[in-house]
Amino acid sequence: MNTQTLTSHQEQLQRMGITLPSSPKSAQLLLQWIARGGVEADKRIAILKAAERDYVGKRVRHKGDGRCGKVRWILFRGMEFRAAARQSLDHRFTHPLDASVAWDNEGAKPISIGSLEVISEG
């Protein structure tokens, strides 16, 4: 990605050493999630970086339906989505963070990292 086209939110994530999601809105939501950590925002940054280390670039399998794909980046879909997801039995593997996964047979879609298991390093 060309640095001249980055939004201020994307630039902030880049300075933190975080893999940039594809959209400025996704970058903004990640920053909001970090900021909600208040005085412990550094812990959220550490959680995000750990999720990147554990998942980005790796092949994964969905624990519920067995589909496989490769993780592109980590994102946060917002508090409203999280609240709605927790009410659904279809979203029993929830985690505050999601992964954008390029699924083998259906293209890229976000999914909670709590529903993923790593099957290979890439």
N, C-alpha and C. Protein backbone atom coordinates (compact mmCIF):
# COMPACT_ATOMS: atom_id res chain seq x y z
N MET A 1 0.84 -1.17 0.00
CA MET A 1 0.00 0.00 0.00
C MET A 1 0.89 1.24 0.00
N ASN A 2 0.56 2.20 -0.81
CA ASN A 2 1.33 3.43 -0.92
C ASN A 2 1.06 4.32 0.29
N THR A 3 2.10 4.75 0.99
CA THR A 3 1.92 5.54 2.20
C THR A 3 1.24 6.88 1.92
N GLN A 4 1.35 7.40 0.72
CA GLN A 4 0.71 8.68 0.40
C GLN A 4 -0.81 8.55 0.37
N THR A 5 -1.34 7.37 0.23
CA THR A 5 -2.79 7.19 0.17
C THR A 5 -3.37 6.72 1.49
N LEU A 6 -2.58 6.63 2.53
CA LEU A 6 -3.07 6.16 3.83
C LEU A 6 -3.87 7.24 4.53
N THR A 7 -4.93 6.83 5.22
CA THR A 7 -5.68 7.76 6.07
C THR A 7 -4.91 7.93 7.37
N SER A 8 -5.32 8.89 8.18
CA SER A 8 -4.64 9.10 9.47
C SER A 8 -4.80 7.87 10.37
N HIS A 9 -5.97 7.19 10.28
CA HIS A 9 -6.17 5.98 11.07
C HIS A 9 -5.20 4.88 10.64
N GLN A 10 -5.04 4.72 9.34
CA GLN A 10 -4.12 3.71 8.83
C GLN A 10 -2.69 4.05 9.21
N GLU A 11 -2.33 5.33 9.16
CA GLU A 11 -0.99 5.74 9.55
C GLU A 11 -0.72 5.43 11.02
N GLN A 12 -1.73 5.65 11.87
CA GLN A 12 -1.57 5.34 13.29
C GLN A 12 -1.31 3.86 13.51
N LEU A 13 -2.08 3.02 12.83
CA LEU A 13 -1.88 1.57 12.95
C LEU A 13 -0.50 1.18 12.43
N GLN A 14 -0.09 1.77 11.32
CA GLN A 14 1.21 1.46 10.75
C GLN A 14 2.33 1.83 11.73
N ARG A 15 2.19 2.96 12.41
CA ARG A 15 3.20 3.37 13.41
C ARG A 15 3.25 2.40 14.58
N MET A 16 2.12 1.76 14.88
CA MET A 16 2.07 0.77 15.96
C MET A 16 2.63 -0.58 15.51
N GLY A 17 2.91 -0.72 14.21
CA GLY A 17 3.41 -1.99 13.69
C GLY A 17 2.32 -3.01 13.45
N ILE A 18 1.10 -2.54 13.18
CA ILE A 18 -0.04 -3.42 12.99
C ILE A 18 -0.33 -3.55 11.49
N THR A 19 -0.61 -4.78 11.05
CA THR A 19 -0.96 -5.03 9.65
C THR A 19 -2.22 -4.25 9.30
N LEU A 20 -2.17 -3.50 8.21
CA LEU A 20 -3.30 -2.66 7.84
C LEU A 20 -4.44 -3.46 7.22
N PRO A 21 -5.66 -3.26 7.74
CA PRO A 21 -6.81 -3.86 7.07
C PRO A 21 -7.06 -3.14 5.75
N SER A 22 -7.92 -3.69 4.91
CA SER A 22 -8.10 -3.15 3.57
C SER A 22 -8.82 -1.82 3.51
N SER A 23 -9.64 -1.50 4.49
CA SER A 23 -10.43 -0.27 4.39
C SER A 23 -10.11 0.71 5.52
N PRO A 24 -10.26 2.00 5.23
CA PRO A 24 -10.09 3.02 6.28
C PRO A 24 -11.07 2.80 7.44
N LYS A 25 -12.29 2.36 7.15
CA LYS A 25 -13.29 2.11 8.21
C LYS A 25 -12.81 1.01 9.16
N SER A 26 -12.23 -0.06 8.60
CA SER A 26 -11.69 -1.14 9.43
C SER A 26 -10.57 -0.63 10.32
N ALA A 27 -9.71 0.24 9.76
CA ALA A 27 -8.63 0.82 10.55
C ALA A 27 -9.20 1.67 11.69
N GLN A 28 -10.23 2.45 11.40
CA GLN A 28 -10.86 3.28 12.41
C GLN A 28 -11.47 2.43 13.53
N LEU A 29 -12.14 1.34 13.17
CA LEU A 29 -12.74 0.47 14.18
C LEU A 29 -11.68 -0.18 15.06
N LEU A 30 -10.55 -0.58 14.48
CA LEU A 30 -9.46 -1.14 15.30
C LEU A 30 -8.94 -0.11 16.29
N LEU A 31 -8.75 1.12 15.82
CA LEU A 31 -8.26 2.17 16.71
C LEU A 31 -9.26 2.47 17.82
N GLN A 32 -10.55 2.45 17.51
CA GLN A 32 -11.56 2.67 18.54
C GLN A 32 -11.52 1.56 19.58
N TRP A 33 -11.34 0.31 19.13
CA TRP A 33 -11.25 -0.82 20.06
C TRP A 33 -10.03 -0.64 20.98
N ILE A 34 -8.91 -0.24 20.41
CA ILE A 34 -7.70 0.00 21.20
C ILE A 34 -7.95 1.12 22.21
N ALA A 35 -8.54 2.22 21.75
CA ALA A 35 -8.77 3.38 22.62
C ALA A 35 -9.72 3.04 23.78
N ARG A 36 -10.69 2.14 23.55
CA ARG A 36 -11.61 1.76 24.62
C ARG A 36 -10.89 1.05 25.76
N GLY A 37 -9.65 0.68 25.54
CA GLY A 37 -8.86 0.05 26.60
C GLY A 37 -8.42 1.05 27.65
N GLY A 38 -8.60 2.36 27.35
CA GLY A 38 -8.23 3.42 28.29
C GLY A 38 -6.76 3.35 28.67
N VAL A 39 -6.50 3.37 29.97
CA VAL A 39 -5.10 3.36 30.43
C VAL A 39 -4.41 2.04 30.11
N GLU A 40 -5.20 1.04 29.76
CA GLU A 40 -4.62 -0.26 29.39
C GLU A 40 -4.67 -0.51 27.88
N ALA A 41 -4.69 0.56 27.09
CA ALA A 41 -4.72 0.43 25.63
C ALA A 41 -3.52 -0.36 25.12
N ASP A 42 -2.38 -0.23 25.80
CA ASP A 42 -1.19 -0.99 25.40
C ASP A 42 -1.44 -2.49 25.44
N LYS A 43 -2.27 -2.93 26.38
CA LYS A 43 -2.59 -4.36 26.46
C LYS A 43 -3.40 -4.79 25.24
N ARG A 44 -4.29 -3.92 24.77
CA ARG A 44 -5.06 -4.26 23.57
C ARG A 44 -4.16 -4.30 22.34
N ILE A 45 -3.20 -3.41 22.28
CA ILE A 45 -2.24 -3.44 21.18
C ILE A 45 -1.47 -4.76 21.22
N ALA A 46 -1.07 -5.18 22.42
CA ALA A 46 -0.35 -6.45 22.56
C ALA A 46 -1.23 -7.63 22.15
N ILE A 47 -2.52 -7.60 22.51
CA ILE A 47 -3.45 -8.67 22.11
C ILE A 47 -3.57 -8.71 20.59
N LEU A 48 -3.69 -7.55 19.97
CA LEU A 48 -3.80 -7.46 18.52
C LEU A 48 -2.55 -7.99 17.83
N LYS A 49 -1.39 -7.59 18.33
CA LYS A 49 -0.13 -8.08 17.74
C LYS A 49 0.03 -9.59 17.94
N ALA A 50 -0.40 -10.10 19.07
CA ALA A 50 -0.33 -11.55 19.30
C ALA A 50 -1.25 -12.28 18.33
N ALA A 51 -2.44 -11.73 18.10
CA ALA A 51 -3.37 -12.34 17.13
C ALA A 51 -2.76 -12.33 15.73
N GLU A 52 -2.10 -11.22 15.38
CA GLU A 52 -1.44 -11.16 14.07
C GLU A 52 -0.36 -12.23 13.97
N ARG A 53 0.45 -12.34 15.00
CA ARG A 53 1.53 -13.33 15.01
C ARG A 53 0.97 -14.75 14.88
N ASP A 54 -0.14 -15.00 15.54
CA ASP A 54 -0.72 -16.35 15.57
C ASP A 54 -1.49 -16.71 14.31
N TYR A 55 -2.04 -15.70 13.60
CA TYR A 55 -2.96 -16.02 12.51
C TYR A 55 -2.60 -15.46 11.13
N VAL A 56 -2.10 -14.22 11.03
CA VAL A 56 -1.89 -13.59 9.72
C VAL A 56 -0.91 -14.39 8.87
N GLY A 57 -1.34 -14.69 7.64
CA GLY A 57 -0.52 -15.44 6.69
C GLY A 57 -0.59 -16.95 6.87
N LYS A 58 -1.38 -17.41 7.83
CA LYS A 58 -1.45 -18.85 8.11
C LYS A 58 -2.74 -19.46 7.57
N ARG A 59 -2.68 -20.74 7.26
CA ARG A 59 -3.86 -21.49 6.83
C ARG A 59 -4.64 -21.89 8.07
N VAL A 60 -5.94 -21.72 7.99
CA VAL A 60 -6.82 -22.02 9.12
C VAL A 60 -8.00 -22.87 8.69
N ARG A 61 -8.61 -23.51 9.69
CA ARG A 61 -9.84 -24.27 9.48
C ARG A 61 -10.89 -23.71 10.44
N HIS A 62 -12.11 -23.55 9.94
CA HIS A 62 -13.21 -23.10 10.78
C HIS A 62 -13.64 -24.26 11.67
N LYS A 63 -13.70 -24.05 12.98
CA LYS A 63 -14.04 -25.11 13.93
C LYS A 63 -15.46 -25.63 13.75
N GLY A 64 -16.36 -24.80 13.26
CA GLY A 64 -17.75 -25.21 13.15
C GLY A 64 -18.08 -25.96 11.88
N ASP A 65 -17.60 -25.46 10.73
CA ASP A 65 -18.02 -26.08 9.46
C ASP A 65 -16.88 -26.69 8.65
N GLY A 66 -15.64 -26.57 9.13
CA GLY A 66 -14.52 -27.24 8.50
C GLY A 66 -13.93 -26.57 7.27
N ARG A 67 -14.49 -25.45 6.82
CA ARG A 67 -13.91 -24.79 5.63
C ARG A 67 -12.53 -24.26 5.96
N CYS A 68 -11.69 -24.15 4.93
CA CYS A 68 -10.29 -23.74 5.12
C CYS A 68 -9.99 -22.49 4.30
N GLY A 69 -8.98 -21.75 4.73
CA GLY A 69 -8.55 -20.56 4.03
C GLY A 69 -7.29 -20.00 4.65
N LYS A 70 -6.92 -18.81 4.19
CA LYS A 70 -5.70 -18.15 4.67
C LYS A 70 -6.07 -16.78 5.25
N VAL A 71 -5.53 -16.48 6.43
CA VAL A 71 -5.82 -15.21 7.11
C VAL A 71 -5.02 -14.09 6.46
N ARG A 72 -5.75 -13.01 6.13
CA ARG A 72 -5.13 -11.84 5.51
C ARG A 72 -4.75 -10.77 6.53
N TRP A 73 -5.65 -10.44 7.45
CA TRP A 73 -5.37 -9.48 8.52
C TRP A 73 -6.40 -9.64 9.62
N ILE A 74 -6.15 -8.95 10.74
CA ILE A 74 -7.04 -8.97 11.89
C ILE A 74 -7.85 -7.67 11.88
N LEU A 75 -9.12 -7.77 12.27
CA LEU A 75 -9.97 -6.59 12.32
C LEU A 75 -10.95 -6.66 13.47
N PHE A 76 -11.64 -5.57 13.70
CA PHE A 76 -12.67 -5.48 14.73
C PHE A 76 -13.91 -4.94 14.04
N ARG A 77 -15.04 -5.65 14.16
CA ARG A 77 -16.24 -5.24 13.42
C ARG A 77 -17.16 -4.32 14.21
N GLY A 78 -16.79 -3.91 15.38
CA GLY A 78 -17.60 -2.94 16.13
C GLY A 78 -18.40 -3.57 17.25
N MET A 79 -18.76 -2.74 18.21
CA MET A 79 -19.48 -3.20 19.40
C MET A 79 -20.88 -3.71 19.06
N GLU A 80 -21.55 -3.06 18.12
CA GLU A 80 -22.90 -3.49 17.77
C GLU A 80 -22.88 -4.90 17.20
N PHE A 81 -21.92 -5.17 16.32
CA PHE A 81 -21.81 -6.51 15.75
C PHE A 81 -21.53 -7.53 16.84
N ARG A 82 -20.59 -7.22 17.75
CA ARG A 82 -20.23 -8.15 18.82
C ARG A 82 -21.44 -8.46 19.69
N ALA A 83 -22.21 -7.43 20.04
CA ALA A 83 -23.38 -7.65 20.89
C ALA A 83 -24.41 -8.53 20.19
N ALA A 84 -24.65 -8.27 18.92
CA ALA A 84 -25.60 -9.09 18.16
C ALA A 84 -25.09 -10.52 18.00
N ALA A 85 -23.81 -10.68 17.77
CA ALA A 85 -23.23 -12.02 17.58
C ALA A 85 -23.37 -12.87 18.83
N ARG A 86 -23.23 -12.25 19.98
CA ARG A 86 -23.32 -13.02 21.23
C ARG A 86 -24.73 -13.53 21.49
N GLN A 87 -25.73 -12.94 20.85
CA GLN A 87 -27.11 -13.37 21.01
C GLN A 87 -27.46 -14.54 20.09
N SER A 88 -26.59 -14.85 19.14
CA SER A 88 -26.88 -15.87 18.13
C SER A 88 -26.18 -17.18 18.44
N LEU A 89 -26.91 -18.29 18.34
CA LEU A 89 -26.30 -19.60 18.54
C LEU A 89 -25.32 -19.94 17.42
N ASP A 90 -25.49 -19.28 16.25
CA ASP A 90 -24.57 -19.52 15.13
C ASP A 90 -23.19 -18.94 15.39
N HIS A 91 -23.06 -18.05 16.37
CA HIS A 91 -21.79 -17.40 16.66
C HIS A 91 -21.26 -17.83 18.02
N ARG A 92 -21.23 -19.12 18.26
CA ARG A 92 -20.81 -19.59 19.58
C ARG A 92 -19.30 -19.49 19.80
N PHE A 93 -18.52 -19.32 18.73
CA PHE A 93 -17.06 -19.18 18.86
C PHE A 93 -16.72 -17.70 18.73
N THR A 94 -17.00 -16.90 19.73
CA THR A 94 -16.75 -15.46 19.60
C THR A 94 -15.47 -15.04 20.30
N HIS A 95 -14.90 -13.98 19.78
CA HIS A 95 -13.70 -13.34 20.30
C HIS A 95 -13.85 -11.87 19.91
N PRO A 96 -13.29 -10.94 20.64
CA PRO A 96 -13.44 -9.53 20.25
C PRO A 96 -12.87 -9.22 18.87
N LEU A 97 -11.88 -9.97 18.44
CA LEU A 97 -11.25 -9.70 17.15
C LEU A 97 -11.67 -10.72 16.09
N ASP A 98 -11.67 -10.26 14.87
CA ASP A 98 -12.00 -11.11 13.73
C ASP A 98 -10.79 -11.19 12.81
N ALA A 99 -10.82 -12.17 11.94
CA ALA A 99 -9.79 -12.31 10.90
C ALA A 99 -10.47 -12.20 9.55
N SER A 100 -9.83 -11.49 8.65
CA SER A 100 -10.28 -11.52 7.26
C SER A 100 -9.63 -12.75 6.66
N VAL A 101 -10.45 -13.72 6.28
CA VAL A 101 -9.94 -14.99 5.77
C VAL A 101 -10.31 -15.12 4.30
N ALA A 102 -9.31 -15.42 3.48
CA ALA A 102 -9.55 -15.74 2.07
C ALA A 102 -9.88 -17.22 2.03
N TRP A 103 -11.19 -17.54 2.06
CA TRP A 103 -11.64 -18.93 2.08
C TRP A 103 -11.37 -19.57 0.74
N ASP A 104 -11.03 -20.85 0.75
CA ASP A 104 -10.67 -21.57 -0.47
C ASP A 104 -11.76 -21.53 -1.54
N ASN A 105 -13.02 -21.67 -1.15
CA ASN A 105 -14.08 -21.80 -2.14
C ASN A 105 -15.10 -20.68 -2.17
N GLU A 106 -14.87 -19.60 -1.42
CA GLU A 106 -15.90 -18.56 -1.41
C GLU A 106 -15.38 -17.14 -1.29
N GLY A 107 -14.11 -16.91 -1.45
CA GLY A 107 -13.59 -15.55 -1.34
C GLY A 107 -13.36 -15.14 0.10
N ALA A 108 -13.01 -13.87 0.30
CA ALA A 108 -12.64 -13.37 1.62
C ALA A 108 -13.86 -12.91 2.40
N LYS A 109 -13.91 -13.34 3.67
CA LYS A 109 -14.97 -12.92 4.59
C LYS A 109 -14.38 -12.87 5.99
N PRO A 110 -14.90 -11.95 6.82
CA PRO A 110 -14.42 -11.90 8.21
C PRO A 110 -15.08 -12.97 9.07
N ILE A 111 -14.33 -13.43 10.07
CA ILE A 111 -14.83 -14.45 10.99
C ILE A 111 -14.11 -14.26 12.33
N SER A 112 -14.78 -14.55 13.43
CA SER A 112 -14.16 -14.43 14.75
C SER A 112 -12.93 -15.35 14.83
N ILE A 113 -11.82 -14.83 15.39
CA ILE A 113 -10.64 -15.69 15.50
C ILE A 113 -10.88 -16.82 16.50
N GLY A 114 -11.90 -16.68 17.35
CA GLY A 114 -12.25 -17.75 18.27
C GLY A 114 -12.79 -18.99 17.57
N SER A 115 -13.18 -18.84 16.30
CA SER A 115 -13.73 -19.98 15.56
C SER A 115 -12.70 -20.63 14.65
N LEU A 116 -11.44 -20.20 14.74
CA LEU A 116 -10.41 -20.68 13.84
C LEU A 116 -9.36 -21.54 14.55
N GLU A 117 -8.87 -22.53 13.82
CA GLU A 117 -7.70 -23.27 14.29
C GLU A 117 -6.66 -23.23 13.17
N VAL A 118 -5.42 -22.99 13.54
CA VAL A 118 -4.33 -22.92 12.57
C VAL A 118 -3.99 -24.34 12.14
N ILE A 119 -3.90 -24.55 10.81
CA ILE A 119 -3.56 -25.89 10.31
C ILE A 119 -2.20 -25.91 9.64
N SER A 120 -1.67 -24.75 9.24
CA SER A 120 -0.31 -24.70 8.71
C SER A 120 0.19 -23.26 8.68
N GLU A 121 1.47 -23.12 8.53
CA GLU A 121 2.10 -21.80 8.57
C GLU A 121 1.92 -20.98 7.30
N GLY A 122 1.25 -21.45 6.33
CA GLY A 122 1.04 -20.61 5.14
C GLY A 122 1.01 -21.42 3.94
